[in-house]
Amino acid sequence: MDAYLRKMERRIANMGRMMHQLGVPALDGRSDKALQVGAAARRCAFCRWSEECERWLAAPTDKPNAYRTFCPNAETFDRLSA
């Protein structure tokens, strides 16, 4: 179970890093956008692309739009950062 929880924690940490990298602003918990972030967190927690995510986060400026090819939250993050 510990390995499973570590994997989930890593994925959620990736989400925070991804949001920061993409310029998604901090959201007020009362915001209607908070529901979108909650749904995104669930997608991140069970994402099968976490290795690709970590590789992109290690060097996002190499291919700045590459996250759109693997991230199930790409559209959500793009919408929230606009």
PDB file of N, CA and C in Angstrom:
ATOM      1  N   MET A   1       0.821  -1.202   0.000  1.00  0.00           N
ATOM      2  CA  MET A   1       0.000   0.000   0.000  1.00  0.00           C
ATOM      3  C   MET A   1       0.860   1.260   0.000  1.00  0.00           C
ATOM      4  N   ASP A   2       2.012   1.233   0.668  1.00  0.00           N
ATOM      5  CA  ASP A   2       2.864   2.409   0.710  1.00  0.00           C
ATOM      6  C   ASP A   2       3.322   2.825  -0.683  1.00  0.00           C
ATOM      7  N   ALA A   3       3.685   1.876  -1.521  1.00  0.00           N
ATOM      8  CA  ALA A   3       4.118   2.198  -2.883  1.00  0.00           C
ATOM      9  C   ALA A   3       2.980   2.859  -3.655  1.00  0.00           C
ATOM     10  N   TYR A   4       1.776   2.373  -3.469  1.00  0.00           N
ATOM     11  CA  TYR A   4       0.605   2.946  -4.139  1.00  0.00           C
ATOM     12  C   TYR A   4       0.407   4.392  -3.692  1.00  0.00           C
ATOM     13  N   LEU A   5       0.494   4.647  -2.395  1.00  0.00           N
ATOM     14  CA  LEU A   5       0.302   6.005  -1.890  1.00  0.00           C
ATOM     15  C   LEU A   5       1.412   6.936  -2.364  1.00  0.00           C
ATOM     16  N   ARG A   6       2.643   6.449  -2.419  1.00  0.00           N
ATOM     17  CA  ARG A   6       3.740   7.266  -2.931  1.00  0.00           C
ATOM     18  C   ARG A   6       3.505   7.640  -4.401  1.00  0.00           C
ATOM     19  N   LYS A   7       2.997   6.695  -5.164  1.00  0.00           N
ATOM     20  CA  LYS A   7       2.708   6.957  -6.576  1.00  0.00           C
ATOM     21  C   LYS A   7       1.628   8.031  -6.700  1.00  0.00           C
ATOM     22  N   MET A   8       0.594   7.928  -5.885  1.00  0.00           N
ATOM     23  CA  MET A   8      -0.489   8.925  -5.913  1.00  0.00           C
ATOM     24  C   MET A   8       0.043  10.296  -5.502  1.00  0.00           C
ATOM     25  N   GLU A   9       0.855  10.341  -4.449  1.00  0.00           N
ATOM     26  CA  GLU A   9       1.425  11.604  -4.000  1.00  0.00           C
ATOM     27  C   GLU A   9       2.280  12.237  -5.090  1.00  0.00           C
ATOM     28  N   ARG A  10       3.064  11.414  -5.779  1.00  0.00           N
ATOM     29  CA  ARG A  10       3.913  11.922  -6.855  1.00  0.00           C
ATOM     30  C   ARG A  10       3.063  12.506  -7.976  1.00  0.00           C
ATOM     31  N   ARG A  11       1.986  11.839  -8.317  1.00  0.00           N
ATOM     32  CA  ARG A  11       1.113  12.331  -9.389  1.00  0.00           C
ATOM     33  C   ARG A  11       0.458  13.649  -9.009  1.00  0.00           C
ATOM     34  N   ILE A  12       0.015  13.767  -7.780  1.00  0.00           N
ATOM     35  CA  ILE A  12      -0.609  15.015  -7.334  1.00  0.00           C
ATOM     36  C   ILE A  12       0.434  16.131  -7.270  1.00  0.00           C
ATOM     37  N   ALA A  13       1.658  15.802  -6.843  1.00  0.00           N
ATOM     38  CA  ALA A  13       2.735  16.796  -6.863  1.00  0.00           C
ATOM     39  C   ALA A  13       2.997  17.251  -8.294  1.00  0.00           C
ATOM     40  N   ASN A  14       2.977  16.304  -9.238  1.00  0.00           N
ATOM     41  CA  ASN A  14       3.150  16.658 -10.650  1.00  0.00           C
ATOM     42  C   ASN A  14       2.068  17.635 -11.092  1.00  0.00           C
ATOM     43  N   MET A  15       0.859  17.431 -10.612  1.00  0.00           N
ATOM     44  CA  MET A  15      -0.234  18.321 -10.991  1.00  0.00           C
ATOM     45  C   MET A  15       0.076  19.744 -10.540  1.00  0.00           C
ATOM     46  N   GLY A  16       0.525  19.894  -9.315  1.00  0.00           N
ATOM     47  CA  GLY A  16       0.880  21.220  -8.815  1.00  0.00           C
ATOM     48  C   GLY A  16       1.992  21.855  -9.622  1.00  0.00           C
ATOM     49  N   ARG A  17       2.994  21.072  -9.951  1.00  0.00           N
ATOM     50  CA  ARG A  17       4.105  21.565 -10.764  1.00  0.00           C
ATOM     51  C   ARG A  17       3.623  21.959 -12.161  1.00  0.00           C
ATOM     52  N   MET A  18       2.747  21.130 -12.731  1.00  0.00           N
ATOM     53  CA  MET A  18       2.210  21.400 -14.066  1.00  0.00           C
ATOM     54  C   MET A  18       1.403  22.700 -14.049  1.00  0.00           C
ATOM     55  N   MET A  19       0.548  22.858 -13.053  1.00  0.00           N
ATOM     56  CA  MET A  19      -0.267  24.069 -12.966  1.00  0.00           C
ATOM     57  C   MET A  19       0.623  25.298 -12.824  1.00  0.00           C
ATOM     58  N   HIS A  20       1.650  25.197 -12.013  1.00  0.00           N
ATOM     59  CA  HIS A  20       2.578  26.310 -11.842  1.00  0.00           C
ATOM     60  C   HIS A  20       3.279  26.632 -13.164  1.00  0.00           C
ATOM     61  N   GLN A  21       3.777  25.603 -13.822  1.00  0.00           N
ATOM     62  CA  GLN A  21       4.484  25.785 -15.085  1.00  0.00           C
ATOM     63  C   GLN A  21       3.597  26.430 -16.146  1.00  0.00           C
ATOM     64  N   LEU A  22       2.322  26.075 -16.154  1.00  0.00           N
ATOM     65  CA  LEU A  22       1.395  26.588 -17.169  1.00  0.00           C
ATOM     66  C   LEU A  22       0.733  27.904 -16.772  1.00  0.00           C
ATOM     67  N   GLY A  23       1.052  28.399 -15.581  1.00  0.00           N
ATOM     68  CA  GLY A  23       0.520  29.688 -15.160  1.00  0.00           C
ATOM     69  C   GLY A  23      -0.912  29.651 -14.669  1.00  0.00           C
ATOM     70  N   VAL A  24      -1.351  28.503 -14.185  1.00  0.00           N
ATOM     71  CA  VAL A  24      -2.705  28.427 -13.621  1.00  0.00           C
ATOM     72  C   VAL A  24      -2.673  29.131 -12.269  1.00  0.00           C
ATOM     73  N   PRO A  25      -3.483  30.164 -12.086  1.00  0.00           N
ATOM     74  CA  PRO A  25      -3.455  30.912 -10.827  1.00  0.00           C
ATOM     75  C   PRO A  25      -4.020  30.103  -9.663  1.00  0.00           C
ATOM     76  N   ALA A  26      -3.594  30.488  -8.469  1.00  0.00           N
ATOM     77  CA  ALA A  26      -4.168  29.885  -7.260  1.00  0.00           C
ATOM     78  C   ALA A  26      -5.655  30.200  -7.248  1.00  0.00           C
ATOM     79  N   LEU A  27      -6.439  29.222  -6.860  1.00  0.00           N
ATOM     80  CA  LEU A  27      -7.887  29.396  -6.907  1.00  0.00           C
ATOM     81  C   LEU A  27      -8.480  29.456  -5.518  1.00  0.00           C
ATOM     82  N   ASP A  28      -9.446  30.308  -5.361  1.00  0.00           N
ATOM     83  CA  ASP A  28     -10.220  30.399  -4.129  1.00  0.00           C
ATOM     84  C   ASP A  28     -11.090  29.156  -4.041  1.00  0.00           C
ATOM     85  N   GLY A  29     -11.163  28.531  -2.903  1.00  0.00           N
ATOM     86  CA  GLY A  29     -11.956  27.320  -2.724  1.00  0.00           C
ATOM     87  C   GLY A  29     -13.430  27.494  -3.041  1.00  0.00           C
ATOM     88  N   ARG A  30     -13.893  28.718  -3.041  1.00  0.00           N
ATOM     89  CA  ARG A  30     -15.304  28.978  -3.346  1.00  0.00           C
ATOM     90  C   ARG A  30     -15.538  29.209  -4.825  1.00  0.00           C
ATOM     91  N   SER A  31     -14.474  29.239  -5.593  1.00  0.00           N
ATOM     92  CA  SER A  31     -14.579  29.521  -7.017  1.00  0.00           C
ATOM     93  C   SER A  31     -15.228  28.351  -7.756  1.00  0.00           C
ATOM     94  N   ASP A  32     -15.971  28.667  -8.816  1.00  0.00           N
ATOM     95  CA  ASP A  32     -16.531  27.603  -9.645  1.00  0.00           C
ATOM     96  C   ASP A  32     -15.405  26.842 -10.342  1.00  0.00           C
ATOM     97  N   LYS A  33     -14.258  27.478 -10.486  1.00  0.00           N
ATOM     98  CA  LYS A  33     -13.111  26.805 -11.081  1.00  0.00           C
ATOM     99  C   LYS A  33     -12.534  25.751 -10.149  1.00  0.00           C
ATOM    100  N   ALA A  34     -12.812  25.852  -8.865  1.00  0.00           N
ATOM    101  CA  ALA A  34     -12.327  24.858  -7.908  1.00  0.00           C
ATOM    102  C   ALA A  34     -12.876  23.471  -8.245  1.00  0.00           C
ATOM    103  N   LEU A  35     -14.092  23.411  -8.771  1.00  0.00           N
ATOM    104  CA  LEU A  35     -14.661  22.123  -9.184  1.00  0.00           C
ATOM    105  C   LEU A  35     -13.869  21.528 -10.337  1.00  0.00           C
ATOM    106  N   GLN A  36     -13.421  22.374 -11.254  1.00  0.00           N
ATOM    107  CA  GLN A  36     -12.615  21.905 -12.374  1.00  0.00           C
ATOM    108  C   GLN A  36     -11.270  21.369 -11.884  1.00  0.00           C
ATOM    109  N   VAL A  37     -10.683  22.041 -10.892  1.00  0.00           N
ATOM    110  CA  VAL A  37      -9.415  21.598 -10.337  1.00  0.00           C
ATOM    111  C   VAL A  37      -9.599  20.266  -9.607  1.00  0.00           C
ATOM    112  N   GLY A  38     -10.707  20.098  -8.917  1.00  0.00           N
ATOM    113  CA  GLY A  38     -10.996  18.830  -8.244  1.00  0.00           C
ATOM    114  C   GLY A  38     -11.094  17.683  -9.236  1.00  0.00           C
ATOM    115  N   ALA A  39     -11.778  17.916 -10.336  1.00  0.00           N
ATOM    116  CA  ALA A  39     -11.888  16.889 -11.377  1.00  0.00           C
ATOM    117  C   ALA A  39     -10.520  16.614 -11.987  1.00  0.00           C
ATOM    118  N   ALA A  40      -9.721  17.665 -12.186  1.00  0.00           N
ATOM    119  CA  ALA A  40      -8.371  17.487 -12.727  1.00  0.00           C
ATOM    120  C   ALA A  40      -7.514  16.669 -11.770  1.00  0.00           C
ATOM    121  N   ALA A  41      -7.659  16.908 -10.478  1.00  0.00           N
ATOM    122  CA  ALA A  41      -6.884  16.151  -9.486  1.00  0.00           C
ATOM    123  C   ALA A  41      -7.209  14.661  -9.560  1.00  0.00           C
ATOM    124  N   ARG A  42      -8.457  14.340  -9.746  1.00  0.00           N
ATOM    125  CA  ARG A  42      -8.830  12.917  -9.875  1.00  0.00           C
ATOM    126  C   ARG A  42      -8.198  12.315 -11.130  1.00  0.00           C
ATOM    127  N   ARG A  43      -8.227  13.066 -12.225  1.00  0.00           N
ATOM    128  CA  ARG A  43      -7.595  12.556 -13.451  1.00  0.00           C
ATOM    129  C   ARG A  43      -6.096  12.370 -13.245  1.00  0.00           C
ATOM    130  N   CYS A  44      -5.441  13.323 -12.588  1.00  0.00           N
ATOM    131  CA  CYS A  44      -4.003  13.207 -12.329  1.00  0.00           C
ATOM    132  C   CYS A  44      -3.694  12.011 -11.428  1.00  0.00           C
ATOM    133  N   ALA A  45      -4.505  11.815 -10.408  1.00  0.00           N
ATOM    134  CA  ALA A  45      -4.251  10.735  -9.454  1.00  0.00           C
ATOM    135  C   ALA A  45      -4.244   9.368 -10.123  1.00  0.00           C
ATOM    136  N   PHE A  46      -5.011   9.207 -11.170  1.00  0.00           N
ATOM    137  CA  PHE A  46      -5.109   7.907 -11.836  1.00  0.00           C
ATOM    138  C   PHE A  46      -4.536   7.917 -13.252  1.00  0.00           C
ATOM    139  N   CYS A  47      -3.746   8.942 -13.561  1.00  0.00           N
ATOM    140  CA  CYS A  47      -3.194   9.100 -14.904  1.00  0.00           C
ATOM    141  C   CYS A  47      -2.152   8.025 -15.213  1.00  0.00           C
ATOM    142  N   ARG A  48      -2.204   7.523 -16.426  1.00  0.00           N
ATOM    143  CA  ARG A  48      -1.232   6.515 -16.840  1.00  0.00           C
ATOM    144  C   ARG A  48      -0.033   7.136 -17.539  1.00  0.00           C
ATOM    145  N   TRP A  49       0.011   8.455 -17.617  1.00  0.00           N
ATOM    146  CA  TRP A  49       1.085   9.156 -18.312  1.00  0.00           C
ATOM    147  C   TRP A  49       2.023   9.871 -17.345  1.00  0.00           C
ATOM    148  N   SER A  50       2.120   9.424 -16.112  1.00  0.00           N
ATOM    149  CA  SER A  50       2.923  10.154 -15.120  1.00  0.00           C
ATOM    150  C   SER A  50       4.406  10.215 -15.477  1.00  0.00           C
ATOM    151  N   GLU A  51       4.937   9.190 -16.114  1.00  0.00           N
ATOM    152  CA  GLU A  51       6.350   9.233 -16.500  1.00  0.00           C
ATOM    153  C   GLU A  51       6.584  10.292 -17.575  1.00  0.00           C
ATOM    154  N   GLU A  52       5.693  10.382 -18.553  1.00  0.00           N
ATOM    155  CA  GLU A  52       5.800  11.416 -19.573  1.00  0.00           C
ATOM    156  C   GLU A  52       5.671  12.800 -18.940  1.00  0.00           C
ATOM    157  N   CYS A  53       4.777  12.900 -17.989  1.00  0.00           N
ATOM    158  CA  CYS A  53       4.569  14.156 -17.281  1.00  0.00           C
ATOM    159  C   CYS A  53       5.861  14.578 -16.573  1.00  0.00           C
ATOM    160  N   GLU A  54       6.471  13.663 -15.856  1.00  0.00           N
ATOM    161  CA  GLU A  54       7.702  13.983 -15.139  1.00  0.00           C
ATOM    162  C   GLU A  54       8.829  14.365 -16.100  1.00  0.00           C
ATOM    163  N   ARG A  55       8.914  13.679 -17.227  1.00  0.00           N
ATOM    164  CA  ARG A  55       9.939  14.040 -18.216  1.00  0.00           C
ATOM    165  C   ARG A  55       9.700  15.451 -18.745  1.00  0.00           C
ATOM    166  N   TRP A  56       8.437  15.768 -19.052  1.00  0.00           N
ATOM    167  CA  TRP A  56       8.143  17.105 -19.558  1.00  0.00           C
ATOM    168  C   TRP A  56       8.432  18.148 -18.485  1.00  0.00           C
ATOM    169  N   LEU A  57       8.038  17.890 -17.257  1.00  0.00           N
ATOM    170  CA  LEU A  57       8.271  18.848 -16.183  1.00  0.00           C
ATOM    171  C   LEU A  57       9.754  19.078 -15.921  1.00  0.00           C
ATOM    172  N   ALA A  58      10.589  18.104 -16.247  1.00  0.00           N
ATOM    173  CA  ALA A  58      12.032  18.253 -16.062  1.00  0.00           C
ATOM    174  C   ALA A  58      12.626  19.249 -17.064  1.00  0.00           C
ATOM    175  N   ALA A  59      11.994  19.414 -18.215  1.00  0.00           N
ATOM    176  CA  ALA A  59      12.508  20.322 -19.248  1.00  0.00           C
ATOM    177  C   ALA A  59      11.366  20.879 -20.085  1.00  0.00           C
ATOM    178  N   PRO A  60      10.467  21.642 -19.475  1.00  0.00           N
ATOM    179  CA  PRO A  60       9.278  22.108 -20.201  1.00  0.00           C
ATOM    180  C   PRO A  60       9.569  23.082 -21.332  1.00  0.00           C
ATOM    181  N   THR A  61      10.682  23.770 -21.271  1.00  0.00           N
ATOM    182  CA  THR A  61      10.962  24.751 -22.323  1.00  0.00           C
ATOM    183  C   THR A  61      11.485  24.103 -23.594  1.00  0.00           C
ATOM    184  N   ASP A  62      11.912  22.839 -23.513  1.00  0.00           N
ATOM    185  CA  ASP A  62      12.376  22.148 -24.716  1.00  0.00           C
ATOM    186  C   ASP A  62      11.254  22.009 -25.741  1.00  0.00           C
ATOM    187  N   LYS A  63      10.094  21.617 -25.278  1.00  0.00           N
ATOM    188  CA  LYS A  63       8.905  21.464 -26.128  1.00  0.00           C
ATOM    189  C   LYS A  63       7.713  21.971 -25.311  1.00  0.00           C
ATOM    190  N   PRO A  64       7.509  23.278 -25.291  1.00  0.00           N
ATOM    191  CA  PRO A  64       6.526  23.861 -24.378  1.00  0.00           C
ATOM    192  C   PRO A  64       5.093  23.371 -24.529  1.00  0.00           C
ATOM    193  N   ASN A  65       4.703  22.925 -25.694  1.00  0.00           N
ATOM    194  CA  ASN A  65       3.326  22.474 -25.889  1.00  0.00           C
ATOM    195  C   ASN A  65       3.182  20.965 -25.885  1.00  0.00           C
ATOM    196  N   ALA A  66       4.246  20.243 -25.629  1.00  0.00           N
ATOM    197  CA  ALA A  66       4.218  18.781 -25.690  1.00  0.00           C
ATOM    198  C   ALA A  66       3.269  18.164 -24.661  1.00  0.00           C
ATOM    199  N   TYR A  67       3.017  18.861 -23.553  1.00  0.00           N
ATOM    200  CA  TYR A  67       2.106  18.309 -22.545  1.00  0.00           C
ATOM    201  C   TYR A  67       0.733  18.017 -23.138  1.00  0.00           C
ATOM    202  N   ARG A  68       0.369  18.752 -24.177  1.00  0.00           N
ATOM    203  CA  ARG A  68      -0.942  18.553 -24.800  1.00  0.00           C
ATOM    204  C   ARG A  68      -1.073  17.179 -25.465  1.00  0.00           C
ATOM    205  N   THR A  69       0.037  16.519 -25.731  1.00  0.00           N
ATOM    206  CA  THR A  69      -0.012  15.212 -26.384  1.00  0.00           C
ATOM    207  C   THR A  69      -0.278  14.075 -25.409  1.00  0.00           C
ATOM    208  N   PHE A  70      -0.069  14.291 -24.111  1.00  0.00           N
ATOM    209  CA  PHE A  70      -0.245  13.199 -23.154  1.00  0.00           C
ATOM    210  C   PHE A  70      -1.128  13.546 -21.958  1.00  0.00           C
ATOM    211  N   CYS A  71      -1.270  14.809 -21.642  1.00  0.00           N
ATOM    212  CA  CYS A  71      -1.951  15.191 -20.402  1.00  0.00           C
ATOM    213  C   CYS A  71      -3.471  15.192 -20.566  1.00  0.00           C
ATOM    214  N   PRO A  72      -4.177  14.384 -19.780  1.00  0.00           N
ATOM    215  CA  PRO A  72      -5.632  14.372 -19.873  1.00  0.00           C
ATOM    216  C   PRO A  72      -6.265  15.670 -19.357  1.00  0.00           C
ATOM    217  N   ASN A  73      -5.458  16.510 -18.709  1.00  0.00           N
ATOM    218  CA  ASN A  73      -5.955  17.782 -18.189  1.00  0.00           C
ATOM    219  C   ASN A  73      -5.499  18.976 -19.013  1.00  0.00           C
ATOM    220  N   ALA A  74      -4.895  18.744 -20.158  1.00  0.00           N
ATOM    221  CA  ALA A  74      -4.336  19.847 -20.952  1.00  0.00           C
ATOM    222  C   ALA A  74      -5.379  20.932 -21.217  1.00  0.00           C
ATOM    223  N   GLU A  75      -6.547  20.549 -21.683  1.00  0.00           N
ATOM    224  CA  GLU A  75      -7.583  21.546 -21.985  1.00  0.00           C
ATOM    225  C   GLU A  75      -8.027  22.285 -20.737  1.00  0.00           C
ATOM    226  N   THR A  76      -8.171  21.555 -19.654  1.00  0.00           N
ATOM    227  CA  THR A  76      -8.579  22.186 -18.383  1.00  0.00           C
ATOM    228  C   THR A  76      -7.530  23.180 -17.933  1.00  0.00           C
ATOM    229  N   PHE A  77      -6.257  22.783 -17.945  1.00  0.00           N
ATOM    230  CA  PHE A  77      -5.195  23.687 -17.527  1.00  0.00           C
ATOM    231  C   PHE A  77      -5.109  24.902 -18.442  1.00  0.00           C
ATOM    232  N   ASP A  78      -5.255  24.690 -19.732  1.00  0.00           N
ATOM    233  CA  ASP A  78      -5.230  25.804 -20.677  1.00  0.00           C
ATOM    234  C   ASP A  78      -6.366  26.775 -20.375  1.00  0.00           C
ATOM    235  N   ARG A  79      -7.535  26.246 -20.128  1.00  0.00           N
ATOM    236  CA  ARG A  79      -8.717  27.076 -19.838  1.00  0.00           C
ATOM    237  C   ARG A  79      -8.513  27.861 -18.527  1.00  0.00           C
ATOM    238  N   LEU A  80      -7.962  27.190 -17.511  1.00  0.00           N
ATOM    239  CA  LEU A  80      -7.783  27.838 -16.213  1.00  0.00           C
ATOM    240  C   LEU A  80      -6.673  28.891 -16.227  1.00  0.00           C
ATOM    241  N   SER A  81      -5.720  28.740 -17.140  1.00  0.00           N
ATOM    242  CA  SER A  81      -4.619  29.711 -17.184  1.00  0.00           C
ATOM    243  C   SER A  81      -4.943  30.908 -18.062  1.00  0.00           C
ATOM    244  N   ALA A  82      -6.048  30.822 -18.801  1.00  0.00           N
ATOM    245  CA  ALA A  82      -6.405  31.937 -19.708  1.00  0.00           C
ATOM    246  C   ALA A  82      -6.957  33.121 -18.945  1.00  0.00           C
TER     247      ALA A  82
END
